[in-house]
Amino acid sequence: MTAKLAFPTRQGRTSRTTKRVRRPSKEQLHRIEVLKRQRERIQAVIESAKRSGLLEEKTGRIAGRVSAELIEQAKARTGLTSDTELVEFALASLALEDNFAETFRKTQGTVDPSLRLGF
């Protein structure tokens, strides 16, 4: 795909240049979709924590030493840039966890005896 760009030169005349614009590869498009889903998940967790009142009062303080590589990878995976945002998201994720997998495993293969199945 070729696009023509026009911009003023120092003399005030317009110069036309041809610049080739590359379309993103399938891998790049996939990575963009993954990043969008991650951003949406982070926003959903933070919004849920706000609605639950978990983020209203920021008077608590937490400190600890962790691997710099762990922080870098967590920031890269989430797209968050500040340590505070990262810790807030991690704690909110834990606080709001619904334990679906654990409950599903416990109830797998069982049916409520009062449930009418129609046969």
PDB file of N, CA and C in Angstrom:
ATOM      1  N   MET A   1       0.851  -1.161   0.000  1.00  0.00           N
ATOM      2  CA  MET A   1       0.000   0.000   0.000  1.00  0.00           C
ATOM      3  C   MET A   1       0.901   1.228   0.000  1.00  0.00           C
ATOM      4  N   THR A   2       0.656   2.161  -0.856  1.00  0.00           N
ATOM      5  CA  THR A   2       1.475   3.358  -0.961  1.00  0.00           C
ATOM      6  C   THR A   2       0.638   4.574  -0.632  1.00  0.00           C
ATOM      7  N   ALA A   3       1.179   5.441   0.198  1.00  0.00           N
ATOM      8  CA  ALA A   3       0.476   6.668   0.563  1.00  0.00           C
ATOM      9  C   ALA A   3       1.330   7.853   0.174  1.00  0.00           C
ATOM     10  N   LYS A   4       0.704   8.885  -0.332  1.00  0.00           N
ATOM     11  CA  LYS A   4       1.432  10.110  -0.678  1.00  0.00           C
ATOM     12  C   LYS A   4       1.238  11.104   0.452  1.00  0.00           C
ATOM     13  N   LEU A   5       2.319  11.611   0.939  1.00  0.00           N
ATOM     14  CA  LEU A   5       2.287  12.580   2.021  1.00  0.00           C
ATOM     15  C   LEU A   5       2.728  13.931   1.490  1.00  0.00           C
ATOM     16  N   ALA A   6       2.035  14.968   1.890  1.00  0.00           N
ATOM     17  CA  ALA A   6       2.422  16.315   1.474  1.00  0.00           C
ATOM     18  C   ALA A   6       2.738  17.123   2.721  1.00  0.00           C
ATOM     19  N   PHE A   7       3.849  17.805   2.714  1.00  0.00           N
ATOM     20  CA  PHE A   7       4.210  18.650   3.847  1.00  0.00           C
ATOM     21  C   PHE A   7       4.981  19.858   3.337  1.00  0.00           C
ATOM     22  N   PRO A   8       4.856  20.993   4.033  1.00  0.00           N
ATOM     23  CA  PRO A   8       5.548  22.193   3.565  1.00  0.00           C
ATOM     24  C   PRO A   8       7.061  22.077   3.762  1.00  0.00           C
ATOM     25  N   THR A   9       7.820  22.576   2.811  1.00  0.00           N
ATOM     26  CA  THR A   9       9.275  22.606   2.927  1.00  0.00           C
ATOM     27  C   THR A   9       9.664  23.952   3.526  1.00  0.00           C
ATOM     28  N   ARG A  10      10.951  24.178   3.692  1.00  0.00           N
ATOM     29  CA  ARG A  10      11.410  25.443   4.282  1.00  0.00           C
ATOM     30  C   ARG A  10      11.027  26.646   3.429  1.00  0.00           C
ATOM     31  N   GLN A  11      10.976  26.461   2.143  1.00  0.00           N
ATOM     32  CA  GLN A  11      10.638  27.561   1.257  1.00  0.00           C
ATOM     33  C   GLN A  11       9.125  27.780   1.191  1.00  0.00           C
ATOM     34  N   GLY A  12       8.334  26.983   1.901  1.00  0.00           N
ATOM     35  CA  GLY A  12       6.897  27.158   1.902  1.00  0.00           C
ATOM     36  C   GLY A  12       6.193  26.374   0.818  1.00  0.00           C
ATOM     37  N   ARG A  13       6.961  25.709  -0.057  1.00  0.00           N
ATOM     38  CA  ARG A  13       6.332  24.901  -1.101  1.00  0.00           C
ATOM     39  C   ARG A  13       5.982  23.535  -0.523  1.00  0.00           C
ATOM     40  N   THR A  14       5.088  22.869  -1.191  1.00  0.00           N
ATOM     41  CA  THR A  14       4.689  21.536  -0.752  1.00  0.00           C
ATOM     42  C   THR A  14       5.519  20.492  -1.480  1.00  0.00           C
ATOM     43  N   SER A  15       6.056  19.578  -0.728  1.00  0.00           N
ATOM     44  CA  SER A  15       6.837  18.492  -1.304  1.00  0.00           C
ATOM     45  C   SER A  15       6.017  17.209  -1.216  1.00  0.00           C
ATOM     46  N   ARG A  16       5.972  16.466  -2.283  1.00  0.00           N
ATOM     47  CA  ARG A  16       5.229  15.201  -2.281  1.00  0.00           C
ATOM     48  C   ARG A  16       6.240  14.053  -2.171  1.00  0.00           C
ATOM     49  N   THR A  17       5.987  13.200  -1.227  1.00  0.00           N
ATOM     50  CA  THR A  17       6.854  12.054  -1.026  1.00  0.00           C
ATOM     51  C   THR A  17       6.004  10.791  -1.031  1.00  0.00           C
ATOM     52  N   THR A  18       6.562   9.738  -1.482  1.00  0.00           N
ATOM     53  CA  THR A  18       5.864   8.464  -1.467  1.00  0.00           C
ATOM     54  C   THR A  18       6.468   7.621  -0.362  1.00  0.00           C
ATOM     55  N   LYS A  19       5.593   7.132   0.518  1.00  0.00           N
ATOM     56  CA  LYS A  19       6.058   6.322   1.635  1.00  0.00           C
ATOM     57  C   LYS A  19       5.266   5.025   1.648  1.00  0.00           C
ATOM     58  N   ARG A  20       5.946   3.932   1.774  1.00  0.00           N
ATOM     59  CA  ARG A  20       5.289   2.632   1.803  1.00  0.00           C
ATOM     60  C   ARG A  20       4.817   2.359   3.237  1.00  0.00           C
ATOM     61  N   VAL A  21       3.530   2.048   3.371  1.00  0.00           N
ATOM     62  CA  VAL A  21       2.956   1.743   4.674  1.00  0.00           C
ATOM     63  C   VAL A  21       2.723   0.240   4.730  1.00  0.00           C
ATOM     64  N   ARG A  22       3.314  -0.409   5.703  1.00  0.00           N
ATOM     65  CA  ARG A  22       3.194  -1.862   5.821  1.00  0.00           C
ATOM     66  C   ARG A  22       1.987  -2.239   6.664  1.00  0.00           C
ATOM     67  N   ARG A  23       1.325  -3.272   6.222  1.00  0.00           N
ATOM     68  CA  ARG A  23       0.214  -3.810   7.003  1.00  0.00           C
ATOM     69  C   ARG A  23       0.792  -4.713   8.084  1.00  0.00           C
ATOM     70  N   PRO A  24       0.137  -4.745   9.234  1.00  0.00           N
ATOM     71  CA  PRO A  24       0.653  -5.615  10.302  1.00  0.00           C
ATOM     72  C   PRO A  24       0.521  -7.091   9.916  1.00  0.00           C
ATOM     73  N   SER A  25       1.464  -7.894  10.371  1.00  0.00           N
ATOM     74  CA  SER A  25       1.430  -9.332  10.101  1.00  0.00           C
ATOM     75  C   SER A  25       0.354  -9.984  10.979  1.00  0.00           C
ATOM     76  N   LYS A  26       0.051 -11.245  10.698  1.00  0.00           N
ATOM     77  CA  LYS A  26      -0.933 -11.977  11.502  1.00  0.00           C
ATOM     78  C   LYS A  26      -0.488 -12.066  12.956  1.00  0.00           C
ATOM     79  N   GLU A  27       0.811 -12.273  13.141  1.00  0.00           N
ATOM     80  CA  GLU A  27       1.345 -12.360  14.507  1.00  0.00           C
ATOM     81  C   GLU A  27       1.178 -11.038  15.248  1.00  0.00           C
ATOM     82  N   GLN A  28       1.438  -9.934  14.535  1.00  0.00           N
ATOM     83  CA  GLN A  28       1.279  -8.621  15.155  1.00  0.00           C
ATOM     84  C   GLN A  28      -0.177  -8.346  15.486  1.00  0.00           C
ATOM     85  N   LEU A  29      -1.087  -8.708  14.587  1.00  0.00           N
ATOM     86  CA  LEU A  29      -2.513  -8.526  14.852  1.00  0.00           C
ATOM     87  C   LEU A  29      -2.962  -9.371  16.040  1.00  0.00           C
ATOM     88  N   HIS A  30      -2.434 -10.602  16.129  1.00  0.00           N
ATOM     89  CA  HIS A  30      -2.765 -11.472  17.270  1.00  0.00           C
ATOM     90  C   HIS A  30      -2.267 -10.856  18.574  1.00  0.00           C
ATOM     91  N   ARG A  31      -1.046 -10.362  18.553  1.00  0.00           N
ATOM     92  CA  ARG A  31      -0.468  -9.739  19.762  1.00  0.00           C
ATOM     93  C   ARG A  31      -1.282  -8.522  20.181  1.00  0.00           C
ATOM     94  N   ILE A  32      -1.743  -7.735  19.218  1.00  0.00           N
ATOM     95  CA  ILE A  32      -2.576  -6.566  19.521  1.00  0.00           C
ATOM     96  C   ILE A  32      -3.868  -7.001  20.192  1.00  0.00           C
ATOM     97  N   GLU A  33      -4.493  -8.070  19.687  1.00  0.00           N
ATOM     98  CA  GLU A  33      -5.739  -8.583  20.280  1.00  0.00           C
ATOM     99  C   GLU A  33      -5.497  -9.089  21.693  1.00  0.00           C
ATOM    100  N   VAL A  34      -4.379  -9.775  21.904  1.00  0.00           N
ATOM    101  CA  VAL A  34      -4.041 -10.267  23.247  1.00  0.00           C
ATOM    102  C   VAL A  34      -3.877  -9.097  24.204  1.00  0.00           C
ATOM    103  N   LEU A  35      -3.170  -8.064  23.769  1.00  0.00           N
ATOM    104  CA  LEU A  35      -2.962  -6.893  24.617  1.00  0.00           C
ATOM    105  C   LEU A  35      -4.273  -6.179  24.930  1.00  0.00           C
ATOM    106  N   LYS A  36      -5.183  -6.118  23.953  1.00  0.00           N
ATOM    107  CA  LYS A  36      -6.495  -5.498  24.188  1.00  0.00           C
ATOM    108  C   LYS A  36      -7.266  -6.281  25.249  1.00  0.00           C
ATOM    109  N   ARG A  37      -7.252  -7.611  25.124  1.00  0.00           N
ATOM    110  CA  ARG A  37      -7.968  -8.444  26.107  1.00  0.00           C
ATOM    111  C   ARG A  37      -7.362  -8.288  27.494  1.00  0.00           C
ATOM    112  N   GLN A  38      -6.030  -8.222  27.575  1.00  0.00           N
ATOM    113  CA  GLN A  38      -5.377  -8.038  28.872  1.00  0.00           C
ATOM    114  C   GLN A  38      -5.768  -6.695  29.484  1.00  0.00           C
ATOM    115  N   ARG A  39      -5.770  -5.644  28.669  1.00  0.00           N
ATOM    116  CA  ARG A  39      -6.138  -4.309  29.152  1.00  0.00           C
ATOM    117  C   ARG A  39      -7.583  -4.305  29.643  1.00  0.00           C
ATOM    118  N   GLU A  40      -8.482  -4.958  28.891  1.00  0.00           N
ATOM    119  CA  GLU A  40      -9.887  -5.042  29.290  1.00  0.00           C
ATOM    120  C   GLU A  40     -10.031  -5.790  30.608  1.00  0.00           C
ATOM    121  N   ARG A  41      -9.260  -6.868  30.777  1.00  0.00           N
ATOM    122  CA  ARG A  41      -9.315  -7.649  32.025  1.00  0.00           C
ATOM    123  C   ARG A  41      -8.846  -6.806  33.207  1.00  0.00           C
ATOM    124  N   ILE A  42      -7.754  -6.092  33.013  1.00  0.00           N
ATOM    125  CA  ILE A  42      -7.231  -5.243  34.081  1.00  0.00           C
ATOM    126  C   ILE A  42      -8.262  -4.180  34.463  1.00  0.00           C
ATOM    127  N   GLN A  43      -8.842  -3.535  33.440  1.00  0.00           N
ATOM    128  CA  GLN A  43      -9.845  -2.511  33.709  1.00  0.00           C
ATOM    129  C   GLN A  43     -11.055  -3.095  34.422  1.00  0.00           C
ATOM    130  N   ALA A  44     -11.472  -4.302  34.039  1.00  0.00           N
ATOM    131  CA  ALA A  44     -12.625  -4.941  34.686  1.00  0.00           C
ATOM    132  C   ALA A  44     -12.334  -5.241  36.151  1.00  0.00           C
ATOM    133  N   VAL A  45     -11.138  -5.719  36.441  1.00  0.00           N
ATOM    134  CA  VAL A  45     -10.768  -6.014  37.832  1.00  0.00           C
ATOM    135  C   VAL A  45     -10.742  -4.732  38.662  1.00  0.00           C
ATOM    136  N   ILE A  46     -10.121  -3.694  38.140  1.00  0.00           N
ATOM    137  CA  ILE A  46     -10.030  -2.423  38.873  1.00  0.00           C
ATOM    138  C   ILE A  46     -11.419  -1.816  39.076  1.00  0.00           C
ATOM    139  N   GLU A  47     -12.260  -1.840  38.039  1.00  0.00           N
ATOM    140  CA  GLU A  47     -13.628  -1.304  38.169  1.00  0.00           C
ATOM    141  C   GLU A  47     -14.429  -2.092  39.197  1.00  0.00           C
ATOM    142  N   SER A  48     -14.291  -3.400  39.191  1.00  0.00           N
ATOM    143  CA  SER A  48     -14.991  -4.245  40.156  1.00  0.00           C
ATOM    144  C   SER A  48     -14.514  -3.952  41.579  1.00  0.00           C
ATOM    145  N   ALA A  49     -13.227  -3.749  41.728  1.00  0.00           N
ATOM    146  CA  ALA A  49     -12.675  -3.419  43.047  1.00  0.00           C
ATOM    147  C   ALA A  49     -13.199  -2.064  43.519  1.00  0.00           C
ATOM    148  N   LYS A  50     -13.323  -1.111  42.594  1.00  0.00           N
ATOM    149  CA  LYS A  50     -13.878   0.205  42.951  1.00  0.00           C
ATOM    150  C   LYS A  50     -15.321   0.072  43.391  1.00  0.00           C
ATOM    151  N   ARG A  51     -16.127  -0.693  42.616  1.00  0.00           N
ATOM    152  CA  ARG A  51     -17.541  -0.879  42.973  1.00  0.00           C
ATOM    153  C   ARG A  51     -17.692  -1.583  44.319  1.00  0.00           C
ATOM    154  N   SER A  52     -16.747  -2.457  44.632  1.00  0.00           N
ATOM    155  CA  SER A  52     -16.790  -3.187  45.903  1.00  0.00           C
ATOM    156  C   SER A  52     -16.293  -2.348  47.070  1.00  0.00           C
ATOM    157  N   GLY A  53     -15.789  -1.161  46.778  1.00  0.00           N
ATOM    158  CA  GLY A  53     -15.297  -0.280  47.829  1.00  0.00           C
ATOM    159  C   GLY A  53     -13.877  -0.575  48.269  1.00  0.00           C
ATOM    160  N   LEU A  54     -13.191  -1.432  47.544  1.00  0.00           N
ATOM    161  CA  LEU A  54     -11.836  -1.816  47.943  1.00  0.00           C
ATOM    162  C   LEU A  54     -10.791  -0.751  47.653  1.00  0.00           C
ATOM    163  N   LEU A  55     -11.119   0.206  46.796  1.00  0.00           N
ATOM    164  CA  LEU A  55     -10.129   1.204  46.409  1.00  0.00           C
ATOM    165  C   LEU A  55     -10.471   2.602  46.890  1.00  0.00           C
ATOM    166  N   GLU A  56     -11.468   2.710  47.757  1.00  0.00           N
ATOM    167  CA  GLU A  56     -11.897   4.037  48.215  1.00  0.00           C
ATOM    168  C   GLU A  56     -10.854   4.731  49.071  1.00  0.00           C
ATOM    169  N   GLU A  57     -10.408   4.058  50.079  1.00  0.00           N
ATOM    170  CA  GLU A  57      -9.495   4.664  51.047  1.00  0.00           C
ATOM    171  C   GLU A  57      -8.104   4.063  50.882  1.00  0.00           C
ATOM    172  N   LYS A  58      -7.155   4.877  50.488  1.00  0.00           N
ATOM    173  CA  LYS A  58      -5.797   4.371  50.267  1.00  0.00           C
ATOM    174  C   LYS A  58      -4.897   4.792  51.425  1.00  0.00           C
ATOM    175  N   THR A  59      -5.117   4.149  52.556  1.00  0.00           N
ATOM    176  CA  THR A  59      -4.314   4.475  53.726  1.00  0.00           C
ATOM    177  C   THR A  59      -3.334   3.356  54.077  1.00  0.00           C
ATOM    178  N   GLY A  60      -3.495   2.202  53.465  1.00  0.00           N
ATOM    179  CA  GLY A  60      -2.605   1.079  53.749  1.00  0.00           C
ATOM    180  C   GLY A  60      -1.287   1.227  53.017  1.00  0.00           C
ATOM    181  N   ARG A  61      -0.287   0.563  53.527  1.00  0.00           N
ATOM    182  CA  ARG A  61       1.032   0.608  52.897  1.00  0.00           C
ATOM    183  C   ARG A  61       1.582  -0.807  52.887  1.00  0.00           C
ATOM    184  N   ILE A  62       2.242  -1.150  51.793  1.00  0.00           N
ATOM    185  CA  ILE A  62       2.844  -2.472  51.671  1.00  0.00           C
ATOM    186  C   ILE A  62       4.257  -2.299  51.131  1.00  0.00           C
ATOM    187  N   ALA A  63       5.169  -3.090  51.630  1.00  0.00           N
ATOM    188  CA  ALA A  63       6.552  -3.016  51.161  1.00  0.00           C
ATOM    189  C   ALA A  63       7.140  -4.417  51.191  1.00  0.00           C
ATOM    190  N   GLY A  64       8.035  -4.655  50.296  1.00  0.00           N
ATOM    191  CA  GLY A  64       8.675  -5.963  50.259  1.00  0.00           C
ATOM    192  C   GLY A  64       9.699  -6.000  49.150  1.00  0.00           C
ATOM    193  N   ARG A  65      10.574  -6.962  49.228  1.00  0.00           N
ATOM    194  CA  ARG A  65      11.594  -7.128  48.196  1.00  0.00           C
ATOM    195  C   ARG A  65      11.205  -8.300  47.313  1.00  0.00           C
ATOM    196  N   VAL A  66      11.203  -8.037  46.018  1.00  0.00           N
ATOM    197  CA  VAL A  66      10.905  -9.085  45.047  1.00  0.00           C
ATOM    198  C   VAL A  66      11.899  -8.971  43.904  1.00  0.00           C
ATOM    199  N   SER A  67      11.968 -10.006  43.121  1.00  0.00           N
ATOM    200  CA  SER A  67      12.873 -10.037  41.989  1.00  0.00           C
ATOM    201  C   SER A  67      12.532  -8.931  40.989  1.00  0.00           C
ATOM    202  N   ALA A  68      13.552  -8.236  40.521  1.00  0.00           N
ATOM    203  CA  ALA A  68      13.351  -7.188  39.514  1.00  0.00           C
ATOM    204  C   ALA A  68      12.802  -7.800  38.224  1.00  0.00           C
ATOM    205  N   GLU A  69      13.230  -9.022  37.923  1.00  0.00           N
ATOM    206  CA  GLU A  69      12.740  -9.707  36.724  1.00  0.00           C
ATOM    207  C   GLU A  69      11.244 -10.008  36.842  1.00  0.00           C
ATOM    208  N   LEU A  70      10.807 -10.383  38.040  1.00  0.00           N
ATOM    209  CA  LEU A  70       9.382 -10.633  38.268  1.00  0.00           C
ATOM    210  C   LEU A  70       8.567  -9.372  38.006  1.00  0.00           C
ATOM    211  N   ILE A  71       9.046  -8.256  38.495  1.00  0.00           N
ATOM    212  CA  ILE A  71       8.354  -6.977  38.294  1.00  0.00           C
ATOM    213  C   ILE A  71       8.327  -6.622  36.811  1.00  0.00           C
ATOM    214  N   GLU A  72       9.451  -6.754  36.141  1.00  0.00           N
ATOM    215  CA  GLU A  72       9.530  -6.429  34.715  1.00  0.00           C
ATOM    216  C   GLU A  72       8.570  -7.274  33.891  1.00  0.00           C
ATOM    217  N   GLN A  73       8.546  -8.583  34.161  1.00  0.00           N
ATOM    218  CA  GLN A  73       7.672  -9.464  33.395  1.00  0.00           C
ATOM    219  C   GLN A  73       6.199  -9.195  33.697  1.00  0.00           C
ATOM    220  N   ALA A  74       5.877  -8.910  34.957  1.00  0.00           N
ATOM    221  CA  ALA A  74       4.495  -8.602  35.317  1.00  0.00           C
ATOM    222  C   ALA A  74       4.041  -7.304  34.651  1.00  0.00           C
ATOM    223  N   LYS A  75       4.909  -6.311  34.621  1.00  0.00           N
ATOM    224  CA  LYS A  75       4.572  -5.044  33.954  1.00  0.00           C
ATOM    225  C   LYS A  75       4.423  -5.255  32.447  1.00  0.00           C
ATOM    226  N   ALA A  76       5.315  -6.047  31.877  1.00  0.00           N
ATOM    227  CA  ALA A  76       5.237  -6.305  30.436  1.00  0.00           C
ATOM    228  C   ALA A  76       3.955  -7.060  30.099  1.00  0.00           C
ATOM    229  N   ARG A  77       3.586  -8.000  30.938  1.00  0.00           N
ATOM    230  CA  ARG A  77       2.386  -8.801  30.665  1.00  0.00           C
ATOM    231  C   ARG A  77       1.106  -7.998  30.841  1.00  0.00           C
ATOM    232  N   THR A  78       1.090  -7.099  31.816  1.00  0.00           N
ATOM    233  CA  THR A  78      -0.126  -6.332  32.089  1.00  0.00           C
ATOM    234  C   THR A  78      -0.167  -5.014  31.338  1.00  0.00           C
ATOM    235  N   GLY A  79       0.988  -4.486  30.973  1.00  0.00           N
ATOM    236  CA  GLY A  79       1.026  -3.176  30.345  1.00  0.00           C
ATOM    237  C   GLY A  79       1.019  -2.048  31.359  1.00  0.00           C
ATOM    238  N   LEU A  80       1.014  -2.386  32.636  1.00  0.00           N
ATOM    239  CA  LEU A  80       1.046  -1.363  33.681  1.00  0.00           C
ATOM    240  C   LEU A  80       2.470  -0.855  33.824  1.00  0.00           C
ATOM    241  N   THR A  81       2.611   0.420  34.178  1.00  0.00           N
ATOM    242  CA  THR A  81       3.949   0.996  34.256  1.00  0.00           C
ATOM    243  C   THR A  81       4.381   1.327  35.675  1.00  0.00           C
ATOM    244  N   SER A  82       3.441   1.589  36.557  1.00  0.00           N
ATOM    245  CA  SER A  82       3.851   1.957  37.911  1.00  0.00           C
ATOM    246  C   SER A  82       3.750   0.759  38.857  1.00  0.00           C
ATOM    247  N   ASP A  83       4.637   0.740  39.841  1.00  0.00           N
ATOM    248  CA  ASP A  83       4.623  -0.331  40.840  1.00  0.00           C
ATOM    249  C   ASP A  83       3.305  -0.328  41.613  1.00  0.00           C
ATOM    250  N   THR A  84       2.805   0.860  41.922  1.00  0.00           N
ATOM    251  CA  THR A  84       1.551   0.980  42.681  1.00  0.00           C
ATOM    252  C   THR A  84       0.392   0.356  41.908  1.00  0.00           C
ATOM    253  N   GLU A  85       0.280   0.676  40.617  1.00  0.00           N
ATOM    254  CA  GLU A  85      -0.784   0.093  39.793  1.00  0.00           C
ATOM    255  C   GLU A  85      -0.666  -1.424  39.744  1.00  0.00           C
ATOM    256  N   LEU A  86       0.554  -1.910  39.624  1.00  0.00           N
ATOM    257  CA  LEU A  86       0.794  -3.345  39.540  1.00  0.00           C
ATOM    258  C   LEU A  86       0.369  -4.051  40.829  1.00  0.00           C
ATOM    259  N   VAL A  87       0.772  -3.517  41.959  1.00  0.00           N
ATOM    260  CA  VAL A  87       0.406  -4.112  43.251  1.00  0.00           C
ATOM    261  C   VAL A  87      -1.102  -4.016  43.469  1.00  0.00           C
ATOM    262  N   GLU A  88      -1.691  -2.891  43.119  1.00  0.00           N
ATOM    263  CA  GLU A  88      -3.130  -2.697  43.275  1.00  0.00           C
ATOM    264  C   GLU A  88      -3.894  -3.727  42.437  1.00  0.00           C
ATOM    265  N   PHE A  89      -3.483  -3.934  41.193  1.00  0.00           N
ATOM    266  CA  PHE A  89      -4.143  -4.912  40.335  1.00  0.00           C
ATOM    267  C   PHE A  89      -3.969  -6.322  40.890  1.00  0.00           C
ATOM    268  N   ALA A  90      -2.761  -6.666  41.310  1.00  0.00           N
ATOM    269  CA  ALA A  90      -2.508  -8.012  41.831  1.00  0.00           C
ATOM    270  C   ALA A  90      -3.351  -8.298  43.067  1.00  0.00           C
ATOM    271  N   LEU A  91      -3.398  -7.344  43.993  1.00  0.00           N
ATOM    272  CA  LEU A  91      -4.181  -7.534  45.213  1.00  0.00           C
ATOM    273  C   LEU A  91      -5.680  -7.572  44.919  1.00  0.00           C
ATOM    274  N   ALA A  92      -6.133  -6.723  44.020  1.00  0.00           N
ATOM    275  CA  ALA A  92      -7.559  -6.722  43.653  1.00  0.00           C
ATOM    276  C   ALA A  92      -7.936  -8.047  43.001  1.00  0.00           C
ATOM    277  N   SER A  93      -7.049  -8.589  42.168  1.00  0.00           N
ATOM    278  CA  SER A  93      -7.319  -9.873  41.525  1.00  0.00           C
ATOM    279  C   SER A  93      -7.495 -10.972  42.568  1.00  0.00           C
ATOM    280  N   LEU A  94      -6.652 -10.972  43.566  1.00  0.00           N
ATOM    281  CA  LEU A  94      -6.760 -11.971  44.626  1.00  0.00           C
ATOM    282  C   LEU A  94      -8.001 -11.754  45.491  1.00  0.00           C
ATOM    283  N   ALA A  95      -8.266 -10.512  45.827  1.00  0.00           N
ATOM    284  CA  ALA A  95      -9.404 -10.203  46.697  1.00  0.00           C
ATOM    285  C   ALA A  95     -10.739 -10.520  46.032  1.00  0.00           C
ATOM    286  N   LEU A  96     -10.802 -10.381  44.715  1.00  0.00           N
ATOM    287  CA  LEU A  96     -12.060 -10.589  44.000  1.00  0.00           C
ATOM    288  C   LEU A  96     -12.182 -11.971  43.382  1.00  0.00           C
ATOM    289  N   GLU A  97     -11.188 -12.818  43.572  1.00  0.00           N
ATOM    290  CA  GLU A  97     -11.196 -14.148  42.972  1.00  0.00           C
ATOM    291  C   GLU A  97     -12.449 -14.909  43.387  1.00  0.00           C
ATOM    292  N   ASP A  98     -13.098 -15.546  42.425  1.00  0.00           N
ATOM    293  CA  ASP A  98     -14.357 -16.221  42.712  1.00  0.00           C
ATOM    294  C   ASP A  98     -14.214 -17.715  43.009  1.00  0.00           C
ATOM    295  N   ASN A  99     -13.029 -18.265  42.927  1.00  0.00           N
ATOM    296  CA  ASN A  99     -12.767 -19.678  43.207  1.00  0.00           C
ATOM    297  C   ASN A  99     -13.598 -20.610  42.338  1.00  0.00           C
ATOM    298  N   PHE A 100     -13.891 -20.189  41.114  1.00  0.00           N
ATOM    299  CA  PHE A 100     -14.713 -21.000  40.216  1.00  0.00           C
ATOM    300  C   PHE A 100     -14.114 -22.379  39.992  1.00  0.00           C
ATOM    301  N   ALA A 101     -12.830 -22.432  39.682  1.00  0.00           N
ATOM    302  CA  ALA A 101     -12.195 -23.712  39.364  1.00  0.00           C
ATOM    303  C   ALA A 101     -12.296 -24.688  40.533  1.00  0.00           C
ATOM    304  N   GLU A 102     -12.031 -24.199  41.725  1.00  0.00           N
ATOM    305  CA  GLU A 102     -12.100 -25.060  42.916  1.00  0.00           C
ATOM    306  C   GLU A 102     -13.526 -25.563  43.139  1.00  0.00           C
ATOM    307  N   THR A 103     -14.496 -24.692  43.037  1.00  0.00           N
ATOM    308  CA  THR A 103     -15.896 -25.073  43.220  1.00  0.00           C
ATOM    309  C   THR A 103     -16.325 -26.044  42.134  1.00  0.00           C
ATOM    310  N   PHE A 104     -15.895 -25.818  40.910  1.00  0.00           N
ATOM    311  CA  PHE A 104     -16.238 -26.702  39.797  1.00  0.00           C
ATOM    312  C   PHE A 104     -15.700 -28.109  40.037  1.00  0.00           C
ATOM    313  N   ARG A 105     -14.461 -28.200  40.504  1.00  0.00           N
ATOM    314  CA  ARG A 105     -13.864 -29.515  40.792  1.00  0.00           C
ATOM    315  C   ARG A 105     -14.629 -30.235  41.893  1.00  0.00           C
ATOM    316  N   LYS A 106     -15.026 -29.503  42.927  1.00  0.00           N
ATOM    317  CA  LYS A 106     -15.741 -30.119  44.052  1.00  0.00           C
ATOM    318  C   LYS A 106     -17.111 -30.650  43.632  1.00  0.00           C
ATOM    319  N   THR A 107     -17.775 -29.953  42.722  1.00  0.00           N
ATOM    320  CA  THR A 107     -19.132 -30.333  42.346  1.00  0.00           C
ATOM    321  C   THR A 107     -19.195 -31.152  41.063  1.00  0.00           C
ATOM    322  N   GLN A 108     -18.065 -31.416  40.445  1.00  0.00           N
ATOM    323  CA  GLN A 108     -18.040 -32.151  39.179  1.00  0.00           C
ATOM    324  C   GLN A 108     -18.641 -33.537  39.364  1.00  0.00           C
ATOM    325  N   GLY A 109     -19.579 -33.864  38.494  1.00  0.00           N
ATOM    326  CA  GLY A 109     -20.206 -35.186  38.533  1.00  0.00           C
ATOM    327  C   GLY A 109     -21.353 -35.291  39.514  1.00  0.00           C
ATOM    328  N   THR A 110     -21.745 -34.201  40.137  1.00  0.00           N
ATOM    329  CA  THR A 110     -22.859 -34.239  41.083  1.00  0.00           C
ATOM    330  C   THR A 110     -24.010 -33.410  40.558  1.00  0.00           C
ATOM    331  N   VAL A 111     -25.201 -33.830  40.931  1.00  0.00           N
ATOM    332  CA  VAL A 111     -26.413 -33.104  40.553  1.00  0.00           C
ATOM    333  C   VAL A 111     -27.236 -32.911  41.821  1.00  0.00           C
ATOM    334  N   ASP A 112     -27.772 -31.730  41.967  1.00  0.00           N
ATOM    335  CA  ASP A 112     -28.632 -31.431  43.115  1.00  0.00           C
ATOM    336  C   ASP A 112     -29.834 -32.375  43.079  1.00  0.00           C
ATOM    337  N   PRO A 113     -30.093 -33.135  44.162  1.00  0.00           N
ATOM    338  CA  PRO A 113     -31.197 -34.110  44.182  1.00  0.00           C
ATOM    339  C   PRO A 113     -32.573 -33.449  43.959  1.00  0.00           C
ATOM    340  N   SER A 114     -32.719 -32.184  44.304  1.00  0.00           N
ATOM    341  CA  SER A 114     -34.013 -31.519  44.144  1.00  0.00           C
ATOM    342  C   SER A 114     -34.224 -30.986  42.728  1.00  0.00           C
ATOM    343  N   LEU A 115     -33.228 -31.080  41.888  1.00  0.00           N
ATOM    344  CA  LEU A 115     -33.317 -30.573  40.520  1.00  0.00           C
ATOM    345  C   LEU A 115     -34.172 -31.501  39.674  1.00  0.00           C
ATOM    346  N   ARG A 116     -35.199 -30.949  39.017  1.00  0.00           N
ATOM    347  CA  ARG A 116     -36.073 -31.751  38.158  1.00  0.00           C
ATOM    348  C   ARG A 116     -35.493 -31.738  36.747  1.00  0.00           C
ATOM    349  N   LEU A 117     -35.081 -32.883  36.289  1.00  0.00           N
ATOM    350  CA  LEU A 117     -34.434 -33.001  34.987  1.00  0.00           C
ATOM    351  C   LEU A 117     -35.419 -33.275  33.854  1.00  0.00           C
ATOM    352  N   GLY A 118     -36.655 -33.631  34.162  1.00  0.00           N
ATOM    353  CA  GLY A 118     -37.674 -33.830  33.137  1.00  0.00           C
ATOM    354  C   GLY A 118     -37.696 -35.205  32.541  1.00  0.00           C
ATOM    355  N   PHE A 119     -37.059 -36.158  33.155  1.00  0.00           N
ATOM    356  CA  PHE A 119     -37.173 -37.535  32.651  1.00  0.00           C
ATOM    357  C   PHE A 119     -37.235 -38.513  33.787  1.00  0.00           C
TER     358      PHE A 119
END
